[in-house]
Amino acid sequence: MANPDVDKYAGNYSDSGLFSKVKNAVKSAGLGLVYKSLQLFYVAKNPNVPMHIRAAVIAPLGYFISPIDLIPDITPFVGYSDDATAIAGAMALAQMYITDDIKQQAKNTIRQFFGEKTAASLS
């Protein structure tokens, strides 16, 4: 379950760091990756989710936040591919905890940051 390459980034995680990354990276990272990251954020904040799942999503979120990772985020076309892989792995672990309420919270955050039109484009 643990990924030693990504787990070392758990210390990079912070709520404010995630929100800053989300606001600044939506165009380059893509709305889908931002939406999935926010879903994981709300899974990690949910006290009804088992601690091992909550802990398992923190490291990939820290990796997403970190400016120093395997493929630098500023690299054209592939800069967020490693981040997307880490987020996808965490999504697989947390999938059964990503409820309609979690999705709605993530959409509400997208709406708050980027407006109704952007939030409406999410499935």
PDB file of N, CA and C in Angstrom:
ATOM      1  N   MET A   1       0.823  -1.192   0.000  1.00  0.00           N
ATOM      2  CA  MET A   1       0.000   0.000   0.000  1.00  0.00           C
ATOM      3  C   MET A   1       0.865   1.252   0.000  1.00  0.00           C
ATOM      4  N   ALA A   2       1.944   1.240   0.719  1.00  0.00           N
ATOM      5  CA  ALA A   2       2.806   2.421   0.767  1.00  0.00           C
ATOM      6  C   ALA A   2       3.699   2.457  -0.461  1.00  0.00           C
ATOM      7  N   ASN A   3       3.968   3.649  -0.917  1.00  0.00           N
ATOM      8  CA  ASN A   3       4.859   3.846  -2.048  1.00  0.00           C
ATOM      9  C   ASN A   3       6.014   4.696  -1.550  1.00  0.00           C
ATOM     10  N   PRO A   4       7.191   4.093  -1.329  1.00  0.00           N
ATOM     11  CA  PRO A   4       8.296   4.844  -0.732  1.00  0.00           C
ATOM     12  C   PRO A   4       8.728   6.050  -1.540  1.00  0.00           C
ATOM     13  N   ASP A   5       8.571   6.016  -2.858  1.00  0.00           N
ATOM     14  CA  ASP A   5       8.972   7.162  -3.670  1.00  0.00           C
ATOM     15  C   ASP A   5       8.056   8.359  -3.450  1.00  0.00           C
ATOM     16  N   VAL A   6       6.788   8.100  -3.202  1.00  0.00           N
ATOM     17  CA  VAL A   6       5.824   9.173  -2.997  1.00  0.00           C
ATOM     18  C   VAL A   6       5.669   9.490  -1.512  1.00  0.00           C
ATOM     19  N   ASP A   7       5.782   8.477  -0.649  1.00  0.00           N
ATOM     20  CA  ASP A   7       5.551   8.657   0.782  1.00  0.00           C
ATOM     21  C   ASP A   7       6.437   9.732   1.402  1.00  0.00           C
ATOM     22  N   LYS A   8       7.635   9.935   0.855  1.00  0.00           N
ATOM     23  CA  LYS A   8       8.532  10.941   1.429  1.00  0.00           C
ATOM     24  C   LYS A   8       7.985  12.361   1.254  1.00  0.00           C
ATOM     25  N   TYR A   9       6.951  12.526   0.426  1.00  0.00           N
ATOM     26  CA  TYR A   9       6.378  13.847   0.178  1.00  0.00           C
ATOM     27  C   TYR A   9       5.249  14.206   1.137  1.00  0.00           C
ATOM     28  N   ALA A  10       4.892  13.314   2.028  1.00  0.00           N
ATOM     29  CA  ALA A  10       3.808  13.591   2.974  1.00  0.00           C
ATOM     30  C   ALA A  10       4.096  14.858   3.780  1.00  0.00           C
ATOM     31  N   GLY A  11       5.339  15.110   4.086  1.00  0.00           N
ATOM     32  CA  GLY A  11       5.717  16.312   4.832  1.00  0.00           C
ATOM     33  C   GLY A  11       5.485  17.598   4.064  1.00  0.00           C
ATOM     34  N   ASN A  12       5.332  17.501   2.747  1.00  0.00           N
ATOM     35  CA  ASN A  12       5.055  18.695   1.932  1.00  0.00           C
ATOM     36  C   ASN A  12       3.590  19.091   1.972  1.00  0.00           C
ATOM     37  N   TYR A  13       2.744  18.206   2.505  1.00  0.00           N
ATOM     38  CA  TYR A  13       1.316  18.460   2.459  1.00  0.00           C
ATOM     39  C   TYR A  13       0.903  19.521   3.477  1.00  0.00           C
ATOM     40  N   SER A  14       0.032  20.421   3.019  1.00  0.00           N
ATOM     41  CA  SER A  14      -0.681  21.352   3.899  1.00  0.00           C
ATOM     42  C   SER A  14      -1.943  21.760   3.152  1.00  0.00           C
ATOM     43  N   ASP A  15      -2.979  22.097   3.890  1.00  0.00           N
ATOM     44  CA  ASP A  15      -4.223  22.543   3.252  1.00  0.00           C
ATOM     45  C   ASP A  15      -3.962  23.771   2.391  1.00  0.00           C
ATOM     46  N   SER A  16      -3.252  24.736   2.949  1.00  0.00           N
ATOM     47  CA  SER A  16      -3.009  25.972   2.200  1.00  0.00           C
ATOM     48  C   SER A  16      -2.129  25.712   0.975  1.00  0.00           C
ATOM     49  N   GLY A  17      -1.183  24.801   1.103  1.00  0.00           N
ATOM     50  CA  GLY A  17      -0.338  24.455  -0.034  1.00  0.00           C
ATOM     51  C   GLY A  17      -1.141  23.812  -1.154  1.00  0.00           C
ATOM     52  N   LEU A  18      -2.088  22.941  -0.781  1.00  0.00           N
ATOM     53  CA  LEU A  18      -2.929  22.311  -1.792  1.00  0.00           C
ATOM     54  C   LEU A  18      -3.798  23.345  -2.494  1.00  0.00           C
ATOM     55  N   PHE A  19      -4.442  24.203  -1.732  1.00  0.00           N
ATOM     56  CA  PHE A  19      -5.320  25.205  -2.346  1.00  0.00           C
ATOM     57  C   PHE A  19      -4.538  26.176  -3.225  1.00  0.00           C
ATOM     58  N   SER A  20      -3.331  26.521  -2.812  1.00  0.00           N
ATOM     59  CA  SER A  20      -2.500  27.383  -3.644  1.00  0.00           C
ATOM     60  C   SER A  20      -2.141  26.678  -4.952  1.00  0.00           C
ATOM     61  N   LYS A  21      -1.779  25.412  -4.864  1.00  0.00           N
ATOM     62  CA  LYS A  21      -1.430  24.645  -6.063  1.00  0.00           C
ATOM     63  C   LYS A  21      -2.643  24.531  -6.981  1.00  0.00           C
ATOM     64  N   VAL A  22      -3.796  24.238  -6.417  1.00  0.00           N
ATOM     65  CA  VAL A  22      -5.029  24.101  -7.201  1.00  0.00           C
ATOM     66  C   VAL A  22      -5.323  25.393  -7.959  1.00  0.00           C
ATOM     67  N   LYS A  23      -5.234  26.504  -7.276  1.00  0.00           N
ATOM     68  CA  LYS A  23      -5.542  27.794  -7.909  1.00  0.00           C
ATOM     69  C   LYS A  23      -4.569  28.128  -9.031  1.00  0.00           C
ATOM     70  N   ASN A  24      -3.312  27.775  -8.852  1.00  0.00           N
ATOM     71  CA  ASN A  24      -2.287  28.166  -9.813  1.00  0.00           C
ATOM     72  C   ASN A  24      -2.038  27.147 -10.914  1.00  0.00           C
ATOM     73  N   ALA A  25      -2.491  25.915 -10.733  1.00  0.00           N
ATOM     74  CA  ALA A  25      -2.109  24.862 -11.678  1.00  0.00           C
ATOM     75  C   ALA A  25      -3.250  24.333 -12.529  1.00  0.00           C
ATOM     76  N   VAL A  26      -4.449  24.871 -12.378  1.00  0.00           N
ATOM     77  CA  VAL A  26      -5.581  24.264 -13.089  1.00  0.00           C
ATOM     78  C   VAL A  26      -5.399  24.279 -14.600  1.00  0.00           C
ATOM     79  N   LYS A  27      -4.813  25.320 -15.154  1.00  0.00           N
ATOM     80  CA  LYS A  27      -4.625  25.368 -16.606  1.00  0.00           C
ATOM     81  C   LYS A  27      -3.573  24.377 -17.072  1.00  0.00           C
ATOM     82  N   SER A  28      -2.473  24.272 -16.361  1.00  0.00           N
ATOM     83  CA  SER A  28      -1.408  23.374 -16.800  1.00  0.00           C
ATOM     84  C   SER A  28      -1.634  21.929 -16.351  1.00  0.00           C
ATOM     85  N   ALA A  29      -2.193  21.723 -15.176  1.00  0.00           N
ATOM     86  CA  ALA A  29      -2.419  20.365 -14.669  1.00  0.00           C
ATOM     87  C   ALA A  29      -3.709  19.772 -15.217  1.00  0.00           C
ATOM     88  N   GLY A  30      -4.666  20.619 -15.491  1.00  0.00           N
ATOM     89  CA  GLY A  30      -5.952  20.149 -15.990  1.00  0.00           C
ATOM     90  C   GLY A  30      -6.995  20.097 -14.894  1.00  0.00           C
ATOM     91  N   LEU A  31      -8.203  20.396 -15.266  1.00  0.00           N
ATOM     92  CA  LEU A  31      -9.300  20.423 -14.312  1.00  0.00           C
ATOM     93  C   LEU A  31      -9.544  19.048 -13.702  1.00  0.00           C
ATOM     94  N   GLY A  32      -9.391  18.003 -14.495  1.00  0.00           N
ATOM     95  CA  GLY A  32      -9.615  16.650 -13.984  1.00  0.00           C
ATOM     96  C   GLY A  32      -8.685  16.298 -12.845  1.00  0.00           C
ATOM     97  N   LEU A  33      -7.404  16.615 -12.984  1.00  0.00           N
ATOM     98  CA  LEU A  33      -6.438  16.325 -11.931  1.00  0.00           C
ATOM     99  C   LEU A  33      -6.727  17.164 -10.691  1.00  0.00           C
ATOM    100  N   VAL A  34      -7.084  18.405 -10.890  1.00  0.00           N
ATOM    101  CA  VAL A  34      -7.421  19.270  -9.760  1.00  0.00           C
ATOM    102  C   VAL A  34      -8.659  18.739  -9.033  1.00  0.00           C
ATOM    103  N   TYR A  35      -9.672  18.335  -9.791  1.00  0.00           N
ATOM    104  CA  TYR A  35     -10.903  17.797  -9.203  1.00  0.00           C
ATOM    105  C   TYR A  35     -10.617  16.522  -8.396  1.00  0.00           C
ATOM    106  N   LYS A  36      -9.808  15.627  -8.936  1.00  0.00           N
ATOM    107  CA  LYS A  36      -9.457  14.399  -8.218  1.00  0.00           C
ATOM    108  C   LYS A  36      -8.653  14.717  -6.959  1.00  0.00           C
ATOM    109  N   SER A  37      -7.759  15.680  -7.052  1.00  0.00           N
ATOM    110  CA  SER A  37      -6.973  16.080  -5.878  1.00  0.00           C
ATOM    111  C   SER A  37      -7.873  16.619  -4.780  1.00  0.00           C
ATOM    112  N   LEU A  38      -8.865  17.399  -5.172  1.00  0.00           N
ATOM    113  CA  LEU A  38      -9.800  17.933  -4.176  1.00  0.00           C
ATOM    114  C   LEU A  38     -10.666  16.831  -3.571  1.00  0.00           C
ATOM    115  N   GLN A  39     -11.040  15.846  -4.366  1.00  0.00           N
ATOM    116  CA  GLN A  39     -11.785  14.713  -3.809  1.00  0.00           C
ATOM    117  C   GLN A  39     -10.940  14.007  -2.749  1.00  0.00           C
ATOM    118  N   LEU A  40      -9.668  13.799  -3.041  1.00  0.00           N
ATOM    119  CA  LEU A  40      -8.777  13.174  -2.063  1.00  0.00           C
ATOM    120  C   LEU A  40      -8.623  14.040  -0.823  1.00  0.00           C
ATOM    121  N   PHE A  41      -8.561  15.345  -1.010  1.00  0.00           N
ATOM    122  CA  PHE A  41      -8.483  16.269   0.120  1.00  0.00           C
ATOM    123  C   PHE A  41      -9.671  16.052   1.055  1.00  0.00           C
ATOM    124  N   TYR A  42     -10.867  15.966   0.489  1.00  0.00           N
ATOM    125  CA  TYR A  42     -12.051  15.793   1.332  1.00  0.00           C
ATOM    126  C   TYR A  42     -12.150  14.389   1.916  1.00  0.00           C
ATOM    127  N   VAL A  43     -11.610  13.395   1.251  1.00  0.00           N
ATOM    128  CA  VAL A  43     -11.512  12.060   1.848  1.00  0.00           C
ATOM    129  C   VAL A  43     -10.601  12.130   3.080  1.00  0.00           C
ATOM    130  N   ALA A  44      -9.465  12.798   2.936  1.00  0.00           N
ATOM    131  CA  ALA A  44      -8.515  12.903   4.046  1.00  0.00           C
ATOM    132  C   ALA A  44      -9.086  13.673   5.229  1.00  0.00           C
ATOM    133  N   LYS A  45     -10.010  14.582   4.974  1.00  0.00           N
ATOM    134  CA  LYS A  45     -10.614  15.384   6.041  1.00  0.00           C
ATOM    135  C   LYS A  45     -11.803  14.692   6.706  1.00  0.00           C
ATOM    136  N   ASN A  46     -12.287  13.614   6.103  1.00  0.00           N
ATOM    137  CA  ASN A  46     -13.487  12.940   6.598  1.00  0.00           C
ATOM    138  C   ASN A  46     -13.136  12.018   7.771  1.00  0.00           C
ATOM    139  N   PRO A  47     -13.647  12.311   8.970  1.00  0.00           N
ATOM    140  CA  PRO A  47     -13.311  11.483  10.134  1.00  0.00           C
ATOM    141  C   PRO A  47     -13.925  10.084  10.064  1.00  0.00           C
ATOM    142  N   ASN A  48     -14.875   9.850   9.158  1.00  0.00           N
ATOM    143  CA  ASN A  48     -15.489   8.528   9.020  1.00  0.00           C
ATOM    144  C   ASN A  48     -14.679   7.590   8.125  1.00  0.00           C
ATOM    145  N   VAL A  49     -13.671   8.121   7.461  1.00  0.00           N
ATOM    146  CA  VAL A  49     -12.785   7.310   6.619  1.00  0.00           C
ATOM    147  C   VAL A  49     -11.690   6.740   7.513  1.00  0.00           C
ATOM    148  N   PRO A  50     -11.382   5.452   7.363  1.00  0.00           N
ATOM    149  CA  PRO A  50     -10.323   4.863   8.201  1.00  0.00           C
ATOM    150  C   PRO A  50      -9.002   5.632   8.086  1.00  0.00           C
ATOM    151  N   MET A  51      -8.313   5.699   9.190  1.00  0.00           N
ATOM    152  CA  MET A  51      -7.067   6.466   9.263  1.00  0.00           C
ATOM    153  C   MET A  51      -6.049   6.002   8.223  1.00  0.00           C
ATOM    154  N   HIS A  52      -5.946   4.717   7.945  1.00  0.00           N
ATOM    155  CA  HIS A  52      -4.936   4.259   6.985  1.00  0.00           C
ATOM    156  C   HIS A  52      -5.243   4.759   5.569  1.00  0.00           C
ATOM    157  N   ILE A  53      -6.508   4.929   5.240  1.00  0.00           N
ATOM    158  CA  ILE A  53      -6.867   5.488   3.931  1.00  0.00           C
ATOM    159  C   ILE A  53      -6.581   6.987   3.930  1.00  0.00           C
ATOM    160  N   ARG A  54      -6.975   7.665   5.006  1.00  0.00           N
ATOM    161  CA  ARG A  54      -6.715   9.099   5.099  1.00  0.00           C
ATOM    162  C   ARG A  54      -5.216   9.372   4.997  1.00  0.00           C
ATOM    163  N   ALA A  55      -4.416   8.566   5.690  1.00  0.00           N
ATOM    164  CA  ALA A  55      -2.960   8.743   5.652  1.00  0.00           C
ATOM    165  C   ALA A  55      -2.407   8.437   4.266  1.00  0.00           C
ATOM    166  N   ALA A  56      -2.996   7.462   3.581  1.00  0.00           N
ATOM    167  CA  ALA A  56      -2.484   7.051   2.268  1.00  0.00           C
ATOM    168  C   ALA A  56      -2.705   8.105   1.185  1.00  0.00           C
ATOM    169  N   VAL A  57      -3.654   9.013   1.386  1.00  0.00           N
ATOM    170  CA  VAL A  57      -3.879  10.039   0.358  1.00  0.00           C
ATOM    171  C   VAL A  57      -3.060  11.299   0.608  1.00  0.00           C
ATOM    172  N   ILE A  58      -2.527  11.448   1.791  1.00  0.00           N
ATOM    173  CA  ILE A  58      -1.748  12.655   2.122  1.00  0.00           C
ATOM    174  C   ILE A  58      -0.445  12.724   1.321  1.00  0.00           C
ATOM    175  N   ALA A  59       0.273  11.613   1.204  1.00  0.00           N
ATOM    176  CA  ALA A  59       1.555  11.636   0.478  1.00  0.00           C
ATOM    177  C   ALA A  59       1.378  12.014  -0.989  1.00  0.00           C
ATOM    178  N   PRO A  60       0.415  11.430  -1.715  1.00  0.00           N
ATOM    179  CA  PRO A  60       0.229  11.865  -3.107  1.00  0.00           C
ATOM    180  C   PRO A  60      -0.181  13.334  -3.227  1.00  0.00           C
ATOM    181  N   LEU A  61      -0.948  13.833  -2.267  1.00  0.00           N
ATOM    182  CA  LEU A  61      -1.295  15.259  -2.290  1.00  0.00           C
ATOM    183  C   LEU A  61      -0.046  16.102  -2.029  1.00  0.00           C
ATOM    184  N   GLY A  62       0.811  15.645  -1.129  1.00  0.00           N
ATOM    185  CA  GLY A  62       2.083  16.334  -0.895  1.00  0.00           C
ATOM    186  C   GLY A  62       2.962  16.312  -2.131  1.00  0.00           C
ATOM    187  N   TYR A  63       2.938  15.209  -2.857  1.00  0.00           N
ATOM    188  CA  TYR A  63       3.704  15.102  -4.106  1.00  0.00           C
ATOM    189  C   TYR A  63       3.169  16.088  -5.136  1.00  0.00           C
ATOM    190  N   PHE A  64       1.856  16.193  -5.224  1.00  0.00           N
ATOM    191  CA  PHE A  64       1.218  17.139  -6.148  1.00  0.00           C
ATOM    192  C   PHE A  64       1.619  18.578  -5.812  1.00  0.00           C
ATOM    193  N   ILE A  65       1.690  18.893  -4.540  1.00  0.00           N
ATOM    194  CA  ILE A  65       2.041  20.237  -4.084  1.00  0.00           C
ATOM    195  C   ILE A  65       3.519  20.548  -4.333  1.00  0.00           C
ATOM    196  N   SER A  66       4.366  19.560  -4.147  1.00  0.00           N
ATOM    197  CA  SER A  66       5.809  19.773  -4.191  1.00  0.00           C
ATOM    198  C   SER A  66       6.286  20.278  -5.555  1.00  0.00           C
ATOM    199  N   PRO A  67       7.089  21.338  -5.551  1.00  0.00           N
ATOM    200  CA  PRO A  67       7.653  21.809  -6.817  1.00  0.00           C
ATOM    201  C   PRO A  67       8.816  20.926  -7.288  1.00  0.00           C
ATOM    202  N   ILE A  68       9.298  20.072  -6.395  1.00  0.00           N
ATOM    203  CA  ILE A  68      10.420  19.198  -6.727  1.00  0.00           C
ATOM    204  C   ILE A  68       9.903  17.767  -6.738  1.00  0.00           C
ATOM    205  N   ASP A  69       9.785  17.203  -7.939  1.00  0.00           N
ATOM    206  CA  ASP A  69       9.370  15.825  -8.060  1.00  0.00           C
ATOM    207  C   ASP A  69      10.023  15.194  -9.275  1.00  0.00           C
ATOM    208  N   LEU A  70       9.637  13.987  -9.606  1.00  0.00           N
ATOM    209  CA  LEU A  70      10.304  13.225 -10.657  1.00  0.00           C
ATOM    210  C   LEU A  70      10.367  13.982 -11.987  1.00  0.00           C
ATOM    211  N   ILE A  71       9.232  14.505 -12.418  1.00  0.00           N
ATOM    212  CA  ILE A  71       9.171  15.306 -13.645  1.00  0.00           C
ATOM    213  C   ILE A  71       8.736  16.709 -13.229  1.00  0.00           C
ATOM    214  N   PRO A  72       9.587  17.709 -13.383  1.00  0.00           N
ATOM    215  CA  PRO A  72       9.217  19.062 -12.958  1.00  0.00           C
ATOM    216  C   PRO A  72       7.906  19.515 -13.610  1.00  0.00           C
ATOM    217  N   ASP A  73       7.050  20.133 -12.811  1.00  0.00           N
ATOM    218  CA  ASP A  73       5.729  20.552 -13.274  1.00  0.00           C
ATOM    219  C   ASP A  73       5.790  21.534 -14.437  1.00  0.00           C
ATOM    220  N   ILE A  74       6.893  22.231 -14.582  1.00  0.00           N
ATOM    221  CA  ILE A  74       7.000  23.215 -15.664  1.00  0.00           C
ATOM    222  C   ILE A  74       7.375  22.586 -17.005  1.00  0.00           C
ATOM    223  N   THR A  75       7.643  21.272 -17.016  1.00  0.00           N
ATOM    224  CA  THR A  75       8.000  20.591 -18.263  1.00  0.00           C
ATOM    225  C   THR A  75       6.766  20.518 -19.168  1.00  0.00           C
ATOM    226  N   PRO A  76       6.850  21.067 -20.377  1.00  0.00           N
ATOM    227  CA  PRO A  76       5.689  21.070 -21.268  1.00  0.00           C
ATOM    228  C   PRO A  76       5.157  19.662 -21.549  1.00  0.00           C
ATOM    229  N   PHE A  77       3.860  19.531 -21.572  1.00  0.00           N
ATOM    230  CA  PHE A  77       3.111  18.329 -21.947  1.00  0.00           C
ATOM    231  C   PHE A  77       3.168  17.185 -20.941  1.00  0.00           C
ATOM    232  N   VAL A  78       4.275  16.978 -20.260  1.00  0.00           N
ATOM    233  CA  VAL A  78       4.387  15.833 -19.356  1.00  0.00           C
ATOM    234  C   VAL A  78       4.650  16.232 -17.905  1.00  0.00           C
ATOM    235  N   GLY A  79       4.667  17.509 -17.623  1.00  0.00           N
ATOM    236  CA  GLY A  79       5.036  17.995 -16.296  1.00  0.00           C
ATOM    237  C   GLY A  79       4.186  17.474 -15.162  1.00  0.00           C
ATOM    238  N   TYR A  80       2.940  17.177 -15.422  1.00  0.00           N
ATOM    239  CA  TYR A  80       2.055  16.690 -14.369  1.00  0.00           C
ATOM    240  C   TYR A  80       1.750  15.201 -14.498  1.00  0.00           C
ATOM    241  N   SER A  81       2.420  14.498 -15.409  1.00  0.00           N
ATOM    242  CA  SER A  81       2.119  13.078 -15.588  1.00  0.00           C
ATOM    243  C   SER A  81       2.492  12.256 -14.356  1.00  0.00           C
ATOM    244  N   ASP A  82       3.585  12.590 -13.700  1.00  0.00           N
ATOM    245  CA  ASP A  82       3.948  11.866 -12.482  1.00  0.00           C
ATOM    246  C   ASP A  82       2.990  12.192 -11.346  1.00  0.00           C
ATOM    247  N   ASP A  83       2.557  13.439 -11.273  1.00  0.00           N
ATOM    248  CA  ASP A  83       1.575  13.833 -10.258  1.00  0.00           C
ATOM    249  C   ASP A  83       0.261  13.072 -10.497  1.00  0.00           C
ATOM    250  N   ALA A  84      -0.138  12.983 -11.763  1.00  0.00           N
ATOM    251  CA  ALA A  84      -1.383  12.288 -12.113  1.00  0.00           C
ATOM    252  C   ALA A  84      -1.305  10.813 -11.739  1.00  0.00           C
ATOM    253  N   THR A  85      -0.141  10.210 -11.904  1.00  0.00           N
ATOM    254  CA  THR A  85       0.037   8.805 -11.527  1.00  0.00           C
ATOM    255  C   THR A  85      -0.111   8.631 -10.018  1.00  0.00           C
ATOM    256  N   ALA A  86       0.499   9.515  -9.249  1.00  0.00           N
ATOM    257  CA  ALA A  86       0.386   9.447  -7.789  1.00  0.00           C
ATOM    258  C   ALA A  86      -1.063   9.651  -7.339  1.00  0.00           C
ATOM    259  N   ILE A  87      -1.741  10.625  -7.941  1.00  0.00           N
ATOM    260  CA  ILE A  87      -3.143  10.895  -7.589  1.00  0.00           C
ATOM    261  C   ILE A  87      -4.018   9.710  -7.986  1.00  0.00           C
ATOM    262  N   ALA A  88      -3.765   9.102  -9.155  1.00  0.00           N
ATOM    263  CA  ALA A  88      -4.547   7.943  -9.599  1.00  0.00           C
ATOM    264  C   ALA A  88      -4.400   6.768  -8.632  1.00  0.00           C
ATOM    265  N   GLY A  89      -3.198   6.549  -8.147  1.00  0.00           N
ATOM    266  CA  GLY A  89      -2.989   5.485  -7.168  1.00  0.00           C
ATOM    267  C   GLY A  89      -3.765   5.724  -5.881  1.00  0.00           C
ATOM    268  N   ALA A  90      -3.747   6.958  -5.434  1.00  0.00           N
ATOM    269  CA  ALA A  90      -4.502   7.302  -4.221  1.00  0.00           C
ATOM    270  C   ALA A  90      -6.005   7.188  -4.463  1.00  0.00           C
ATOM    271  N   MET A  91      -6.452   7.568  -5.648  1.00  0.00           N
ATOM    272  CA  MET A  91      -7.878   7.442  -5.992  1.00  0.00           C
ATOM    273  C   MET A  91      -8.306   5.975  -5.945  1.00  0.00           C
ATOM    274  N   ALA A  92      -7.448   5.082  -6.423  1.00  0.00           N
ATOM    275  CA  ALA A  92      -7.767   3.653  -6.398  1.00  0.00           C
ATOM    276  C   ALA A  92      -7.923   3.160  -4.952  1.00  0.00           C
ATOM    277  N   LEU A  93      -7.046   3.628  -4.062  1.00  0.00           N
ATOM    278  CA  LEU A  93      -7.139   3.235  -2.653  1.00  0.00           C
ATOM    279  C   LEU A  93      -8.381   3.810  -1.967  1.00  0.00           C
ATOM    280  N   ALA A  94      -8.742   5.004  -2.348  1.00  0.00           N
ATOM    281  CA  ALA A  94      -9.819   5.722  -1.653  1.00  0.00           C
ATOM    282  C   ALA A  94     -11.166   5.617  -2.357  1.00  0.00           C
ATOM    283  N   GLN A  95     -11.232   4.922  -3.465  1.00  0.00           N
ATOM    284  CA  GLN A  95     -12.428   4.941  -4.317  1.00  0.00           C
ATOM    285  C   GLN A  95     -13.731   4.683  -3.557  1.00  0.00           C
ATOM    286  N   MET A  96     -13.754   3.714  -2.678  1.00  0.00           N
ATOM    287  CA  MET A  96     -15.009   3.395  -1.992  1.00  0.00           C
ATOM    288  C   MET A  96     -15.437   4.480  -0.994  1.00  0.00           C
ATOM    289  N   TYR A  97     -14.555   5.412  -0.702  1.00  0.00           N
ATOM    290  CA  TYR A  97     -14.864   6.507   0.218  1.00  0.00           C
ATOM    291  C   TYR A  97     -15.187   7.811  -0.503  1.00  0.00           C
ATOM    292  N   ILE A  98     -15.095   7.789  -1.815  1.00  0.00           N
ATOM    293  CA  ILE A  98     -15.413   8.983  -2.601  1.00  0.00           C
ATOM    294  C   ILE A  98     -16.910   8.943  -2.909  1.00  0.00           C
ATOM    295  N   THR A  99     -17.656   9.494  -1.992  1.00  0.00           N
ATOM    296  CA  THR A  99     -19.113   9.490  -2.066  1.00  0.00           C
ATOM    297  C   THR A  99     -19.603  10.683  -2.891  1.00  0.00           C
ATOM    298  N   ASP A 100     -20.893  10.706  -3.134  1.00  0.00           N
ATOM    299  CA  ASP A 100     -21.475  11.864  -3.824  1.00  0.00           C
ATOM    300  C   ASP A 100     -21.234  13.144  -3.026  1.00  0.00           C
ATOM    301  N   ASP A 101     -21.248  13.043  -1.704  1.00  0.00           N
ATOM    302  CA  ASP A 101     -20.990  14.216  -0.860  1.00  0.00           C
ATOM    303  C   ASP A 101     -19.553  14.714  -1.044  1.00  0.00           C
ATOM    304  N   ILE A 102     -18.598  13.806  -1.103  1.00  0.00           N
ATOM    305  CA  ILE A 102     -17.193  14.180  -1.335  1.00  0.00           C
ATOM    306  C   ILE A 102     -17.061  14.861  -2.695  1.00  0.00           C
ATOM    307  N   LYS A 103     -17.688  14.292  -3.710  1.00  0.00           N
ATOM    308  CA  LYS A 103     -17.636  14.889  -5.050  1.00  0.00           C
ATOM    309  C   LYS A 103     -18.258  16.283  -5.048  1.00  0.00           C
ATOM    310  N   GLN A 104     -19.362  16.438  -4.324  1.00  0.00           N
ATOM    311  CA  GLN A 104     -20.018  17.745  -4.264  1.00  0.00           C
ATOM    312  C   GLN A 104     -19.145  18.776  -3.555  1.00  0.00           C
ATOM    313  N   GLN A 105     -18.474  18.365  -2.482  1.00  0.00           N
ATOM    314  CA  GLN A 105     -17.565  19.286  -1.790  1.00  0.00           C
ATOM    315  C   GLN A 105     -16.445  19.737  -2.729  1.00  0.00           C
ATOM    316  N   ALA A 106     -15.901  18.788  -3.498  1.00  0.00           N
ATOM    317  CA  ALA A 106     -14.841  19.133  -4.453  1.00  0.00           C
ATOM    318  C   ALA A 106     -15.376  20.080  -5.524  1.00  0.00           C
ATOM    319  N   LYS A 107     -16.581  19.819  -6.028  1.00  0.00           N
ATOM    320  CA  LYS A 107     -17.190  20.705  -7.029  1.00  0.00           C
ATOM    321  C   LYS A 107     -17.440  22.090  -6.451  1.00  0.00           C
ATOM    322  N   ASN A 108     -17.879  22.140  -5.200  1.00  0.00           N
ATOM    323  CA  ASN A 108     -18.117  23.442  -4.562  1.00  0.00           C
ATOM    324  C   ASN A 108     -16.825  24.244  -4.459  1.00  0.00           C
ATOM    325  N   THR A 109     -15.719  23.568  -4.199  1.00  0.00           N
ATOM    326  CA  THR A 109     -14.429  24.258  -4.134  1.00  0.00           C
ATOM    327  C   THR A 109     -14.024  24.741  -5.521  1.00  0.00           C
ATOM    328  N   ILE A 110     -14.235  23.912  -6.541  1.00  0.00           N
ATOM    329  CA  ILE A 110     -13.973  24.336  -7.922  1.00  0.00           C
ATOM    330  C   ILE A 110     -14.832  25.562  -8.249  1.00  0.00           C
ATOM    331  N   ARG A 111     -16.085  25.518  -7.861  1.00  0.00           N
ATOM    332  CA  ARG A 111     -17.005  26.635  -8.102  1.00  0.00           C
ATOM    333  C   ARG A 111     -16.495  27.903  -7.416  1.00  0.00           C
ATOM    334  N   GLN A 112     -16.055  27.759  -6.176  1.00  0.00           N
ATOM    335  CA  GLN A 112     -15.556  28.905  -5.402  1.00  0.00           C
ATOM    336  C   GLN A 112     -14.312  29.507  -6.060  1.00  0.00           C
ATOM    337  N   PHE A 113     -13.398  28.672  -6.536  1.00  0.00           N
ATOM    338  CA  PHE A 113     -12.144  29.152  -7.108  1.00  0.00           C
ATOM    339  C   PHE A 113     -12.268  29.601  -8.561  1.00  0.00           C
ATOM    340  N   PHE A 114     -13.093  28.893  -9.351  1.00  0.00           N
ATOM    341  CA  PHE A 114     -13.079  29.101 -10.800  1.00  0.00           C
ATOM    342  C   PHE A 114     -14.424  29.446 -11.409  1.00  0.00           C
ATOM    343  N   GLY A 115     -15.481  29.452 -10.619  1.00  0.00           N
ATOM    344  CA  GLY A 115     -16.782  29.870 -11.120  1.00  0.00           C
ATOM    345  C   GLY A 115     -17.705  28.725 -11.487  1.00  0.00           C
ATOM    346  N   GLU A 116     -18.957  29.088 -11.677  1.00  0.00           N
ATOM    347  CA  GLU A 116     -20.026  28.134 -11.951  1.00  0.00           C
ATOM    348  C   GLU A 116     -19.815  27.381 -13.260  1.00  0.00           C
ATOM    349  N   LYS A 117     -19.398  28.072 -14.294  1.00  0.00           N
ATOM    350  CA  LYS A 117     -19.232  27.437 -15.608  1.00  0.00           C
ATOM    351  C   LYS A 117     -18.205  26.304 -15.527  1.00  0.00           C
ATOM    352  N   THR A 118     -17.116  26.540 -14.853  1.00  0.00           N
ATOM    353  CA  THR A 118     -16.083  25.507 -14.710  1.00  0.00           C
ATOM    354  C   THR A 118     -16.606  24.333 -13.893  1.00  0.00           C
ATOM    355  N   ALA A 119     -17.284  24.614 -12.792  1.00  0.00           N
ATOM    356  CA  ALA A 119     -17.835  23.548 -11.943  1.00  0.00           C
ATOM    357  C   ALA A 119     -18.878  22.730 -12.702  1.00  0.00           C
ATOM    358  N   ALA A 120     -19.670  23.389 -13.527  1.00  0.00           N
ATOM    359  CA  ALA A 120     -20.717  22.702 -14.290  1.00  0.00           C
ATOM    360  C   ALA A 120     -20.133  21.750 -15.332  1.00  0.00           C
ATOM    361  N   SER A 121     -18.888  21.961 -15.719  1.00  0.00           N
ATOM    362  CA  SER A 121     -18.268  21.101 -16.727  1.00  0.00           C
ATOM    363  C   SER A 121     -17.798  19.769 -16.168  1.00  0.00           C
ATOM    364  N   LEU A 122     -17.832  19.630 -14.847  1.00  0.00           N
ATOM    365  CA  LEU A 122     -17.375  18.379 -14.219  1.00  0.00           C
ATOM    366  C   LEU A 122     -18.479  17.337 -14.251  1.00  0.00           C
ATOM    367  N   SER A 123     -18.061  16.078 -14.402  1.00  0.00           N
ATOM    368  CA  SER A 123     -19.051  14.999 -14.383  1.00  0.00           C
ATOM    369  C   SER A 123     -19.112  14.365 -13.020  1.00  0.00           C
TER     370      SER A 123
END
